[in-house]
C-alpha cells in the first residue's frame, strides 16, 4: 500500500477549515449569497461556491436560485433553517430595545416600498400612513416574528420581493428592494453565471 504524502491531508484540512468558516456565516445570516460571503471574507466566488457545494453534499446547507436585477443569484440557508412565509418579518432582538416591545406592534404603510413596524403608536405615522393597523408579535429564539396581514403582503408582493430591514430601539423599517424570480436549478449549479440575452427578463 502506498503511503500518502502530507499534501492531500493538508489540503483536506484546509477545506474543512474553509467549510467551517462559511457554514458559520450562513448560520448567522440565513439567505446570504455566495458573493456576499466572498466579499465579507475577501475570497473568490469560486472558493466560496466550492465550499458551499461540499456543505451541500454533506447535507449541512440548502440553496435557492433566484433571478434578481437580471442576475442569477445563489442564496444559501442552513439545512435546519425553517422556511418562513414571505409575510413573516423577523426582527433580531439584539438590534432593538427589547423592553419597549410588548405583545402587539403597530404597522404603517408609508410608501409603495416601505412599511414601518413600531413598538408604540406614532402620531406622525398615524397621519402619514395610507394604511395602518396592529398585529400580535411572537417571541422565538432571539427574534421577534411579525406576521403581516395578507392584504398588506399582497400589495407589496412580498412573495416575489427582496426586502431589507433597518432597526432602531422602538421601530423597524421594512424596505422592498427589488423583484425576485425563483428558478428551479440543480443545487450545485454555479452561483453567478452570465445570462445570455435571451435568458434575461
N, C-alpha and C. Protein backbone atom coordinates (compact mmCIF):
# COMPACT_ATOMS: atom_id res chain seq x y z
N UNK A 1 0.84 -1.19 0.00
CA UNK A 1 0.00 0.00 0.00
C UNK A 1 0.88 1.25 0.00
N UNK A 2 0.58 2.19 -0.88
CA UNK A 2 1.37 3.40 -0.95
C UNK A 2 1.09 4.30 0.25
N UNK A 3 2.15 4.92 0.70
CA UNK A 3 1.99 5.85 1.80
C UNK A 3 1.56 7.21 1.26
N UNK A 4 0.50 7.77 1.83
CA UNK A 4 0.01 9.07 1.37
C UNK A 4 0.95 10.17 1.83
N UNK A 5 1.21 11.12 0.95
CA UNK A 5 2.03 12.26 1.35
C UNK A 5 1.20 13.20 2.20
N UNK A 6 1.87 14.14 2.83
CA UNK A 6 1.17 15.09 3.71
C UNK A 6 0.33 16.10 2.97
N UNK A 7 0.62 16.31 1.66
CA UNK A 7 -0.07 17.37 0.90
C UNK A 7 -1.58 17.17 0.81
N UNK A 8 -2.06 15.96 0.41
CA UNK A 8 -3.52 15.78 0.33
C UNK A 8 -4.21 15.97 1.68
N UNK A 9 -3.56 15.52 2.76
CA UNK A 9 -4.16 15.66 4.09
C UNK A 9 -4.24 17.14 4.47
N UNK A 10 -3.18 17.89 4.17
CA UNK A 10 -3.17 19.32 4.48
C UNK A 10 -4.26 20.04 3.70
N UNK A 11 -4.42 19.65 2.41
CA UNK A 11 -5.46 20.27 1.59
C UNK A 11 -6.85 19.97 2.14
N UNK A 12 -7.03 18.73 2.59
CA UNK A 12 -8.33 18.34 3.15
C UNK A 12 -8.63 19.13 4.42
N UNK A 13 -7.59 19.32 5.26
CA UNK A 13 -7.78 20.08 6.49
C UNK A 13 -8.12 21.53 6.20
N UNK A 14 -7.45 22.10 5.17
CA UNK A 14 -7.77 23.49 4.78
C UNK A 14 -9.20 23.59 4.30
N UNK A 15 -9.62 22.56 3.53
CA UNK A 15 -11.00 22.56 3.04
C UNK A 15 -12.01 22.50 4.18
N UNK A 16 -11.73 21.69 5.19
CA UNK A 16 -12.63 21.59 6.34
C UNK A 16 -12.69 22.90 7.10
N UNK A 17 -11.54 23.55 7.23
CA UNK A 17 -11.50 24.84 7.93
C UNK A 17 -12.30 25.90 7.16
N UNK A 18 -12.12 25.89 5.83
CA UNK A 18 -12.87 26.81 4.97
C UNK A 18 -14.38 26.58 5.13
N UNK A 19 -14.79 25.32 5.10
CA UNK A 19 -16.21 24.98 5.20
C UNK A 19 -16.79 25.41 6.54
N UNK A 20 -16.01 25.26 7.62
CA UNK A 20 -16.48 25.67 8.95
C UNK A 20 -16.73 27.17 9.00
N UNK A 21 -15.83 27.94 8.39
CA UNK A 21 -15.98 29.40 8.37
C UNK A 21 -17.22 29.80 7.58
N UNK A 22 -17.38 29.21 6.40
CA UNK A 22 -18.53 29.53 5.54
C UNK A 22 -19.83 29.13 6.22
N UNK A 23 -19.87 27.96 6.83
CA UNK A 23 -21.09 27.49 7.50
C UNK A 23 -21.48 28.40 8.66
N UNK A 24 -20.50 28.90 9.38
CA UNK A 24 -20.79 29.81 10.50
C UNK A 24 -21.47 31.08 9.99
N UNK A 25 -20.98 31.62 8.88
CA UNK A 25 -21.59 32.83 8.31
C UNK A 25 -23.01 32.55 7.84
N UNK A 26 -23.22 31.40 7.21
CA UNK A 26 -24.56 31.04 6.73
C UNK A 26 -25.53 30.90 7.89
N UNK A 27 -25.07 30.33 9.00
CA UNK A 27 -25.94 30.18 10.17
C UNK A 27 -26.25 31.52 10.82
N UNK A 28 -25.30 32.45 10.76
CA UNK A 28 -25.52 33.77 11.33
C UNK A 28 -26.42 34.62 10.45
N UNK A 29 -26.35 34.38 9.14
CA UNK A 29 -27.16 35.18 8.21
C UNK A 29 -27.78 34.27 7.14
N UNK A 30 -28.83 33.54 7.50
CA UNK A 30 -29.50 32.67 6.51
C UNK A 30 -29.99 33.48 5.31
N UNK A 31 -29.81 32.91 4.12
CA UNK A 31 -30.25 33.60 2.92
C UNK A 31 -29.16 34.46 2.30
N UNK A 32 -27.96 34.45 2.91
CA UNK A 32 -26.86 35.21 2.33
C UNK A 32 -26.46 34.58 1.00
N UNK A 33 -25.75 35.33 0.19
CA UNK A 33 -25.38 34.85 -1.15
C UNK A 33 -23.89 34.50 -1.22
N UNK A 34 -23.53 33.78 -2.26
CA UNK A 34 -22.13 33.42 -2.49
C UNK A 34 -21.28 34.69 -2.56
N UNK A 35 -21.74 35.68 -3.31
CA UNK A 35 -20.98 36.92 -3.48
C UNK A 35 -20.82 37.65 -2.15
N UNK A 36 -21.87 37.69 -1.35
CA UNK A 36 -21.79 38.39 -0.05
C UNK A 36 -20.77 37.73 0.87
N UNK A 37 -20.76 36.40 0.90
CA UNK A 37 -19.79 35.68 1.73
C UNK A 37 -18.37 35.95 1.23
N UNK A 38 -18.18 35.86 -0.09
CA UNK A 38 -16.86 36.08 -0.68
C UNK A 38 -16.37 37.50 -0.40
N UNK A 39 -17.27 38.46 -0.53
CA UNK A 39 -16.92 39.85 -0.29
C UNK A 39 -16.52 40.07 1.17
N UNK A 40 -17.27 39.46 2.08
CA UNK A 40 -17.00 39.62 3.52
C UNK A 40 -15.65 39.00 3.90
N UNK A 41 -15.34 37.85 3.33
CA UNK A 41 -14.11 37.14 3.69
C UNK A 41 -12.89 37.54 2.84
N UNK A 42 -13.15 38.25 1.75
CA UNK A 42 -12.06 38.60 0.85
C UNK A 42 -11.60 37.42 0.02
N UNK A 43 -12.51 36.48 -0.23
CA UNK A 43 -12.21 35.29 -1.03
C UNK A 43 -12.85 35.43 -2.41
N UNK A 44 -12.52 34.49 -3.29
CA UNK A 44 -13.15 34.48 -4.61
C UNK A 44 -14.52 33.80 -4.52
N UNK A 45 -15.38 34.12 -5.47
CA UNK A 45 -16.68 33.45 -5.53
C UNK A 45 -16.50 31.95 -5.72
N UNK A 46 -15.48 31.57 -6.53
CA UNK A 46 -15.25 30.15 -6.79
C UNK A 46 -14.88 29.38 -5.53
N UNK A 47 -14.07 29.99 -4.67
CA UNK A 47 -13.68 29.32 -3.43
C UNK A 47 -14.88 29.11 -2.53
N UNK A 48 -15.73 30.16 -2.42
CA UNK A 48 -16.93 30.06 -1.58
C UNK A 48 -17.91 29.06 -2.17
N UNK A 49 -18.09 29.11 -3.49
CA UNK A 49 -19.02 28.20 -4.16
C UNK A 49 -18.58 26.75 -3.97
N UNK A 50 -17.28 26.51 -4.05
CA UNK A 50 -16.77 25.16 -3.83
C UNK A 50 -17.05 24.67 -2.43
N UNK A 51 -16.89 25.57 -1.45
CA UNK A 51 -17.17 25.21 -0.06
C UNK A 51 -18.65 24.90 0.14
N UNK A 52 -19.51 25.72 -0.46
CA UNK A 52 -20.95 25.51 -0.34
C UNK A 52 -21.35 24.17 -0.99
N UNK A 53 -20.73 23.83 -2.11
CA UNK A 53 -21.03 22.56 -2.76
C UNK A 53 -20.64 21.37 -1.88
N UNK A 54 -19.52 21.51 -1.17
CA UNK A 54 -19.13 20.44 -0.24
C UNK A 54 -20.13 20.34 0.91
N UNK A 55 -20.56 21.49 1.41
CA UNK A 55 -21.54 21.51 2.50
C UNK A 55 -22.89 20.94 2.04
N UNK A 56 -23.23 21.19 0.77
CA UNK A 56 -24.45 20.63 0.20
C UNK A 56 -24.40 19.10 0.20
N UNK A 57 -23.27 18.57 -0.24
CA UNK A 57 -23.11 17.12 -0.31
C UNK A 57 -23.17 16.47 1.08
N UNK A 58 -22.79 17.23 2.10
CA UNK A 58 -22.84 16.72 3.47
C UNK A 58 -24.20 16.96 4.12
N UNK A 59 -25.11 17.64 3.40
CA UNK A 59 -26.44 17.89 3.92
C UNK A 59 -26.50 18.98 4.98
N UNK A 60 -25.51 19.88 4.99
CA UNK A 60 -25.47 20.91 6.03
C UNK A 60 -26.11 22.23 5.61
N UNK A 61 -26.31 22.42 4.31
CA UNK A 61 -26.95 23.64 3.81
C UNK A 61 -27.93 23.29 2.69
N UNK A 62 -28.75 24.22 2.35
CA UNK A 62 -29.61 24.11 1.18
C UNK A 62 -29.51 25.43 0.41
N UNK A 63 -29.78 25.40 -0.88
CA UNK A 63 -29.66 26.61 -1.68
C UNK A 63 -30.95 26.91 -2.43
N UNK A 64 -31.07 28.15 -2.82
CA UNK A 64 -32.21 28.61 -3.61
C UNK A 64 -31.67 29.54 -4.67
N UNK A 65 -31.99 29.27 -5.93
CA UNK A 65 -31.57 30.13 -7.03
C UNK A 65 -32.70 31.11 -7.37
N UNK A 66 -32.35 32.37 -7.52
CA UNK A 66 -33.33 33.38 -7.91
C UNK A 66 -32.69 34.31 -8.94
N UNK A 67 -33.54 34.92 -9.76
CA UNK A 67 -33.07 35.97 -10.66
C UNK A 67 -33.47 37.30 -10.05
N UNK A 68 -32.47 38.14 -9.83
CA UNK A 68 -32.69 39.46 -9.26
C UNK A 68 -31.88 40.48 -10.06
N UNK A 69 -32.55 41.51 -10.55
CA UNK A 69 -31.90 42.51 -11.40
C UNK A 69 -31.14 41.84 -12.56
N UNK A 70 -31.80 40.87 -13.18
CA UNK A 70 -31.28 40.16 -14.35
C UNK A 70 -30.01 39.35 -14.05
N UNK A 71 -29.77 39.05 -12.78
CA UNK A 71 -28.60 38.27 -12.39
C UNK A 71 -29.06 37.03 -11.64
N UNK A 72 -28.44 35.89 -11.97
CA UNK A 72 -28.75 34.65 -11.26
C UNK A 72 -27.97 34.61 -9.96
N UNK A 73 -28.69 34.49 -8.86
CA UNK A 73 -28.07 34.54 -7.53
C UNK A 73 -28.36 33.24 -6.78
N UNK A 74 -27.36 32.78 -6.06
CA UNK A 74 -27.48 31.55 -5.27
C UNK A 74 -27.53 31.94 -3.79
N UNK A 75 -28.71 31.81 -3.19
CA UNK A 75 -28.89 32.13 -1.77
C UNK A 75 -28.74 30.84 -0.96
N UNK A 76 -28.08 30.96 0.19
CA UNK A 76 -27.74 29.76 0.95
C UNK A 76 -28.33 29.84 2.36
N UNK A 77 -28.89 28.70 2.81
CA UNK A 77 -29.51 28.59 4.13
C UNK A 77 -28.97 27.36 4.86
N UNK A 78 -28.92 27.41 6.19
CA UNK A 78 -28.59 26.18 6.93
C UNK A 78 -29.65 25.13 6.63
N UNK A 79 -29.25 23.87 6.57
CA UNK A 79 -30.20 22.79 6.26
C UNK A 79 -31.34 22.75 7.25
N UNK A 80 -31.06 23.10 8.51
CA UNK A 80 -32.09 23.02 9.55
C UNK A 80 -32.97 24.27 9.61
N UNK A 81 -32.62 25.29 8.84
CA UNK A 81 -33.38 26.55 8.89
C UNK A 81 -34.79 26.34 8.33
N UNK A 82 -35.78 26.74 9.12
CA UNK A 82 -37.16 26.60 8.68
C UNK A 82 -37.50 27.73 7.71
N UNK A 83 -38.20 27.41 6.65
CA UNK A 83 -38.58 28.42 5.66
C UNK A 83 -39.76 29.22 6.18
N UNK A 84 -39.56 30.52 6.31
CA UNK A 84 -40.63 31.39 6.79
C UNK A 84 -41.52 31.83 5.62
N UNK A 85 -42.82 32.00 5.85
CA UNK A 85 -43.68 32.59 4.82
C UNK A 85 -43.19 34.01 4.52
N UNK A 86 -43.35 34.49 3.29
CA UNK A 86 -42.82 35.81 2.94
C UNK A 86 -43.44 36.96 3.73
N UNK A 87 -44.62 36.73 4.35
CA UNK A 87 -45.25 37.82 5.10
C UNK A 87 -44.85 37.83 6.58
N UNK A 88 -43.89 36.98 6.96
CA UNK A 88 -43.40 36.98 8.34
C UNK A 88 -42.06 37.70 8.39
N UNK A 89 -42.01 38.79 9.14
CA UNK A 89 -40.80 39.60 9.27
C UNK A 89 -40.09 39.25 10.57
N UNK A 90 -38.81 38.98 10.49
CA UNK A 90 -38.01 38.64 11.66
C UNK A 90 -37.22 39.86 12.11
N UNK A 91 -37.36 40.22 13.38
CA UNK A 91 -36.62 41.35 13.94
C UNK A 91 -35.67 40.82 15.01
N UNK A 92 -34.35 40.85 14.77
CA UNK A 92 -33.39 40.36 15.78
C UNK A 92 -33.47 41.20 17.05
N UNK A 93 -33.56 40.54 18.18
CA UNK A 93 -33.69 41.25 19.46
C UNK A 93 -32.49 42.13 19.78
N UNK A 94 -31.30 41.69 19.33
CA UNK A 94 -30.11 42.47 19.68
C UNK A 94 -30.07 43.82 18.98
N UNK A 95 -30.96 44.03 18.00
CA UNK A 95 -30.97 45.28 17.26
C UNK A 95 -32.01 46.28 17.78
N UNK A 96 -32.76 45.91 18.81
CA UNK A 96 -33.81 46.77 19.34
C UNK A 96 -33.71 46.87 20.86
N UNK A 97 -34.49 47.77 21.45
CA UNK A 97 -34.61 47.84 22.90
C UNK A 97 -35.77 46.92 23.29
N UNK A 98 -35.42 45.70 23.65
CA UNK A 98 -36.43 44.65 23.84
C UNK A 98 -37.51 45.04 24.84
N UNK A 99 -37.15 45.77 25.89
CA UNK A 99 -38.12 46.14 26.92
C UNK A 99 -39.22 47.06 26.40
N UNK A 100 -39.00 47.68 25.24
CA UNK A 100 -40.01 48.60 24.69
C UNK A 100 -41.06 47.87 23.86
N UNK A 101 -40.79 46.60 23.53
CA UNK A 101 -41.68 45.85 22.65
C UNK A 101 -42.57 44.93 23.47
N UNK A 102 -43.87 45.04 23.25
CA UNK A 102 -44.86 44.25 24.01
C UNK A 102 -45.42 43.13 23.12
N UNK A 103 -46.64 42.71 23.42
CA UNK A 103 -47.27 41.60 22.69
C UNK A 103 -47.91 42.03 21.37
N UNK A 104 -47.92 43.33 21.10
CA UNK A 104 -48.57 43.85 19.90
C UNK A 104 -47.70 44.94 19.30
N UNK A 105 -47.67 45.00 17.96
CA UNK A 105 -46.93 46.05 17.27
C UNK A 105 -47.87 46.79 16.31
N UNK A 106 -47.45 47.98 15.91
CA UNK A 106 -48.25 48.81 15.02
C UNK A 106 -47.59 48.86 13.64
N UNK A 107 -48.40 48.68 12.62
CA UNK A 107 -47.91 48.65 11.24
C UNK A 107 -48.36 49.91 10.50
N UNK A 108 -47.44 50.47 9.71
CA UNK A 108 -47.75 51.66 8.93
C UNK A 108 -47.19 51.53 7.52
N UNK A 109 -48.06 51.61 6.51
CA UNK A 109 -47.61 51.65 5.12
C UNK A 109 -47.25 53.09 4.80
N UNK A 110 -45.97 53.35 4.64
CA UNK A 110 -45.51 54.72 4.45
C UNK A 110 -45.34 55.10 2.98
N UNK A 111 -45.06 54.10 2.14
CA UNK A 111 -44.92 54.34 0.70
C UNK A 111 -45.11 53.01 -0.02
N UNK A 112 -44.95 53.02 -1.33
CA UNK A 112 -45.10 51.77 -2.09
C UNK A 112 -43.94 50.81 -1.87
N UNK A 113 -42.92 51.26 -1.14
CA UNK A 113 -41.78 50.38 -0.92
C UNK A 113 -41.35 50.30 0.55
N UNK A 114 -42.11 50.88 1.47
CA UNK A 114 -41.68 50.84 2.87
C UNK A 114 -42.83 50.64 3.84
N UNK A 115 -42.58 49.80 4.84
CA UNK A 115 -43.53 49.51 5.91
C UNK A 115 -42.81 49.72 7.24
N UNK A 116 -43.41 50.50 8.12
CA UNK A 116 -42.84 50.70 9.45
C UNK A 116 -43.53 49.77 10.44
N UNK A 117 -42.72 49.13 11.28
CA UNK A 117 -43.23 48.29 12.37
C UNK A 117 -42.79 48.95 13.66
N UNK A 118 -43.75 49.41 14.45
CA UNK A 118 -43.42 50.21 15.63
C UNK A 118 -43.89 49.54 16.92
N UNK A 119 -43.06 49.67 17.96
CA UNK A 119 -43.42 49.13 19.27
C UNK A 119 -44.54 49.93 19.92
N UNK A 120 -44.65 51.21 19.54
CA UNK A 120 -45.67 52.10 20.10
C UNK A 120 -46.36 52.86 18.98
N UNK A 121 -47.49 53.45 19.27
CA UNK A 121 -48.19 54.26 18.28
C UNK A 121 -47.36 55.51 17.97
N UNK A 122 -47.31 55.86 16.70
CA UNK A 122 -46.58 57.04 16.27
C UNK A 122 -47.57 58.05 15.69
N UNK A 123 -47.67 59.22 16.30
CA UNK A 123 -48.61 60.24 15.82
C UNK A 123 -48.27 60.66 14.39
N UNK A 124 -46.98 60.79 14.12
CA UNK A 124 -46.55 61.21 12.78
C UNK A 124 -46.97 60.17 11.74
N UNK A 125 -46.72 58.89 12.02
CA UNK A 125 -47.06 57.85 11.07
C UNK A 125 -48.56 57.61 11.01
N UNK A 126 -49.27 57.85 12.11
CA UNK A 126 -50.73 57.72 12.10
C UNK A 126 -51.33 58.66 11.05
N UNK A 127 -50.74 59.85 10.91
CA UNK A 127 -51.25 60.83 9.94
C UNK A 127 -50.73 60.57 8.53
N UNK A 128 -49.50 60.10 8.45
CA UNK A 128 -48.85 59.95 7.15
C UNK A 128 -49.22 58.67 6.42
N UNK A 129 -49.43 57.60 7.14
CA UNK A 129 -49.62 56.28 6.53
C UNK A 129 -50.90 56.19 5.72
N UNK A 130 -50.84 55.51 4.56
CA UNK A 130 -52.07 55.30 3.78
C UNK A 130 -52.76 54.00 4.21
N UNK A 131 -52.08 53.20 5.06
CA UNK A 131 -52.72 52.05 5.71
C UNK A 131 -52.05 51.88 7.06
N UNK A 132 -52.85 51.54 8.08
CA UNK A 132 -52.29 51.31 9.41
C UNK A 132 -53.10 50.24 10.12
N UNK A 133 -52.49 49.59 11.06
CA UNK A 133 -53.16 48.54 11.81
C UNK A 133 -52.22 48.00 12.88
N UNK A 134 -52.68 47.02 13.62
CA UNK A 134 -51.85 46.40 14.65
C UNK A 134 -51.99 44.88 14.57
N UNK A 135 -50.92 44.19 14.94
CA UNK A 135 -50.90 42.72 14.90
C UNK A 135 -50.13 42.20 16.11
N UNK A 136 -50.40 40.99 16.55
CA UNK A 136 -49.62 40.41 17.65
C UNK A 136 -48.20 40.08 17.19
N UNK A 137 -47.29 40.00 18.14
CA UNK A 137 -45.91 39.67 17.83
C UNK A 137 -45.52 38.41 18.60
N UNK A 138 -44.74 37.54 17.97
CA UNK A 138 -44.28 36.31 18.62
C UNK A 138 -42.80 36.42 18.96
N UNK A 139 -42.43 35.78 20.04
CA UNK A 139 -41.04 35.76 20.50
C UNK A 139 -40.47 34.37 20.24
N UNK A 140 -39.39 34.31 19.43
CA UNK A 140 -38.84 32.99 19.11
C UNK A 140 -37.33 33.05 18.93
N UNK A 141 -36.61 32.38 19.83
CA UNK A 141 -35.15 32.20 19.70
C UNK A 141 -34.40 33.48 19.35
N UNK A 142 -34.57 34.49 20.15
CA UNK A 142 -33.80 35.72 19.94
C UNK A 142 -34.34 36.61 18.84
N UNK A 143 -35.54 36.31 18.33
CA UNK A 143 -36.14 37.13 17.29
C UNK A 143 -37.59 37.42 17.62
N UNK A 144 -38.06 38.56 17.16
CA UNK A 144 -39.49 38.86 17.21
C UNK A 144 -40.06 38.58 15.83
N UNK A 145 -41.15 37.84 15.76
CA UNK A 145 -41.78 37.50 14.49
C UNK A 145 -43.06 38.30 14.32
N UNK A 146 -43.12 39.05 13.25
CA UNK A 146 -44.30 39.88 12.95
C UNK A 146 -44.94 39.37 11.67
N UNK A 147 -46.17 38.89 11.76
CA UNK A 147 -46.88 38.39 10.59
C UNK A 147 -47.74 39.50 10.00
N UNK A 148 -47.40 39.92 8.79
CA UNK A 148 -48.16 40.99 8.13
C UNK A 148 -49.48 40.46 7.60
N UNK A 149 -50.54 41.27 7.66
CA UNK A 149 -51.83 40.84 7.10
C UNK A 149 -51.70 40.49 5.61
N UNK A 150 -52.52 39.58 5.16
CA UNK A 150 -52.45 39.10 3.78
C UNK A 150 -52.60 40.24 2.77
N UNK A 151 -53.52 41.18 3.04
CA UNK A 151 -53.72 42.26 2.07
C UNK A 151 -52.49 43.16 1.95
N UNK A 152 -51.75 43.29 3.06
CA UNK A 152 -50.53 44.09 3.03
C UNK A 152 -49.43 43.35 2.28
N UNK A 153 -49.30 42.06 2.54
CA UNK A 153 -48.32 41.23 1.86
C UNK A 153 -48.58 41.20 0.36
N UNK A 154 -49.85 41.10 -0.03
CA UNK A 154 -50.21 41.06 -1.45
C UNK A 154 -49.92 42.39 -2.13
N UNK A 155 -50.22 43.50 -1.44
CA UNK A 155 -49.98 44.82 -2.01
C UNK A 155 -48.51 45.03 -2.33
N UNK A 156 -47.64 44.59 -1.42
CA UNK A 156 -46.20 44.76 -1.63
C UNK A 156 -45.57 43.60 -2.40
N UNK A 157 -46.37 42.58 -2.73
CA UNK A 157 -45.90 41.40 -3.48
C UNK A 157 -44.68 40.79 -2.82
N UNK A 158 -44.79 40.57 -1.53
CA UNK A 158 -43.66 40.07 -0.76
C UNK A 158 -43.23 38.67 -1.17
N UNK A 159 -44.16 37.91 -1.77
CA UNK A 159 -43.80 36.55 -2.19
C UNK A 159 -42.76 36.55 -3.30
N UNK A 160 -42.63 37.68 -4.02
CA UNK A 160 -41.65 37.78 -5.10
C UNK A 160 -40.76 39.01 -4.94
N UNK A 161 -40.45 39.35 -3.70
CA UNK A 161 -39.66 40.55 -3.46
C UNK A 161 -38.50 40.29 -2.50
N UNK A 162 -37.42 41.01 -2.73
CA UNK A 162 -36.30 41.02 -1.80
C UNK A 162 -36.52 42.20 -0.87
N UNK A 163 -36.37 42.00 0.43
CA UNK A 163 -36.57 43.09 1.37
C UNK A 163 -35.32 43.30 2.21
N UNK A 164 -35.20 44.51 2.77
CA UNK A 164 -34.14 44.79 3.74
C UNK A 164 -34.81 45.32 5.00
N UNK A 165 -34.11 45.20 6.11
CA UNK A 165 -34.67 45.61 7.41
C UNK A 165 -33.68 46.53 8.10
N UNK A 166 -34.13 47.72 8.46
CA UNK A 166 -33.32 48.63 9.28
C UNK A 166 -34.06 48.84 10.59
N UNK A 167 -33.32 48.92 11.69
CA UNK A 167 -33.95 48.95 13.01
C UNK A 167 -33.47 50.11 13.86
N UNK A 168 -34.32 50.46 14.80
CA UNK A 168 -33.97 51.41 15.85
C UNK A 168 -34.45 50.78 17.16
N UNK A 169 -34.37 51.51 18.26
CA UNK A 169 -34.78 50.93 19.54
C UNK A 169 -36.23 50.50 19.56
N UNK A 170 -37.11 51.34 18.96
CA UNK A 170 -38.55 51.07 19.09
C UNK A 170 -39.28 50.90 17.76
N UNK A 171 -38.53 50.78 16.65
CA UNK A 171 -39.21 50.51 15.38
C UNK A 171 -38.27 49.81 14.41
N UNK A 172 -38.88 49.19 13.41
CA UNK A 172 -38.14 48.56 12.31
C UNK A 172 -38.76 49.03 11.00
N UNK A 173 -37.92 49.28 10.03
CA UNK A 173 -38.40 49.72 8.73
C UNK A 173 -38.11 48.65 7.69
N UNK A 174 -39.18 48.14 7.07
CA UNK A 174 -39.06 47.13 6.02
C UNK A 174 -39.07 47.85 4.67
N UNK A 175 -38.04 47.62 3.87
CA UNK A 175 -37.96 48.24 2.55
C UNK A 175 -37.98 47.16 1.47
N UNK A 176 -38.90 47.29 0.54
CA UNK A 176 -38.99 46.35 -0.58
C UNK A 176 -37.97 46.81 -1.62
N UNK A 177 -36.92 45.98 -1.81
CA UNK A 177 -35.79 46.39 -2.64
C UNK A 177 -36.00 46.12 -4.12
N UNK A 178 -36.35 44.89 -4.46
CA UNK A 178 -36.47 44.52 -5.87
C UNK A 178 -37.26 43.23 -6.02
N UNK A 179 -37.67 42.97 -7.24
CA UNK A 179 -38.41 41.74 -7.54
C UNK A 179 -37.44 40.58 -7.72
N UNK A 180 -37.81 39.43 -7.18
CA UNK A 180 -37.01 38.23 -7.38
C UNK A 180 -37.88 37.15 -8.02
N UNK A 181 -37.25 36.33 -8.85
CA UNK A 181 -37.97 35.25 -9.52
C UNK A 181 -37.27 33.94 -9.19
N UNK A 182 -37.92 33.04 -8.43
CA UNK A 182 -37.30 31.74 -8.13
C UNK A 182 -37.05 30.95 -9.41
N UNK A 183 -35.92 30.23 -9.46
CA UNK A 183 -35.55 29.43 -10.61
C UNK A 183 -35.24 28.02 -10.14
N UNK A 184 -35.82 27.02 -10.80
CA UNK A 184 -35.56 25.63 -10.44
C UNK A 184 -34.29 25.16 -11.15
N UNK A 185 -33.21 25.03 -10.37
CA UNK A 185 -31.94 24.58 -10.90
C UNK A 185 -31.33 23.55 -9.94
N UNK A 186 -30.44 22.69 -10.43
CA UNK A 186 -29.77 21.75 -9.52
C UNK A 186 -29.02 22.53 -8.44
N UNK A 187 -28.98 22.03 -7.20
CA UNK A 187 -28.32 22.75 -6.11
C UNK A 187 -26.86 23.11 -6.39
N UNK A 188 -26.13 22.26 -7.15
CA UNK A 188 -24.72 22.51 -7.40
C UNK A 188 -24.48 23.47 -8.57
N UNK A 189 -25.55 24.00 -9.15
CA UNK A 189 -25.40 24.92 -10.28
C UNK A 189 -24.57 26.13 -9.83
N UNK A 190 -23.67 26.64 -10.68
CA UNK A 190 -22.80 27.76 -10.28
C UNK A 190 -23.59 28.97 -9.79
N UNK A 191 -22.90 29.82 -9.06
CA UNK A 191 -23.56 30.91 -8.36
C UNK A 191 -24.01 32.06 -9.25
N UNK A 192 -23.11 32.66 -10.02
CA UNK A 192 -23.48 33.85 -10.79
C UNK A 192 -22.98 33.74 -12.22
N UNK A 193 -23.55 32.82 -12.99
CA UNK A 193 -23.14 32.75 -14.40
C UNK A 193 -23.70 33.94 -15.17
N UNK A 194 -23.05 34.27 -16.29
CA UNK A 194 -23.56 35.35 -17.13
C UNK A 194 -24.79 34.84 -17.87
N UNK A 195 -25.83 35.67 -17.87
CA UNK A 195 -27.04 35.27 -18.58
C UNK A 195 -26.95 35.68 -20.04
N UNK A 196 -27.37 34.79 -20.93
CA UNK A 196 -27.44 35.15 -22.34
C UNK A 196 -28.58 36.13 -22.53
N UNK A 197 -28.52 36.87 -23.60
CA UNK A 197 -29.52 37.91 -23.84
C UNK A 197 -30.92 37.35 -23.83
N UNK A 198 -31.13 36.19 -24.41
CA UNK A 198 -32.47 35.64 -24.50
C UNK A 198 -32.96 35.09 -23.15
N UNK A 199 -32.00 34.93 -22.17
CA UNK A 199 -32.37 34.41 -20.86
C UNK A 199 -32.81 35.50 -19.89
N UNK A 200 -32.53 36.76 -20.22
CA UNK A 200 -32.86 37.84 -19.29
C UNK A 200 -34.35 38.12 -19.30
N UNK A 201 -34.82 38.72 -18.18
CA UNK A 201 -36.26 39.00 -18.06
C UNK A 201 -36.56 40.38 -18.61
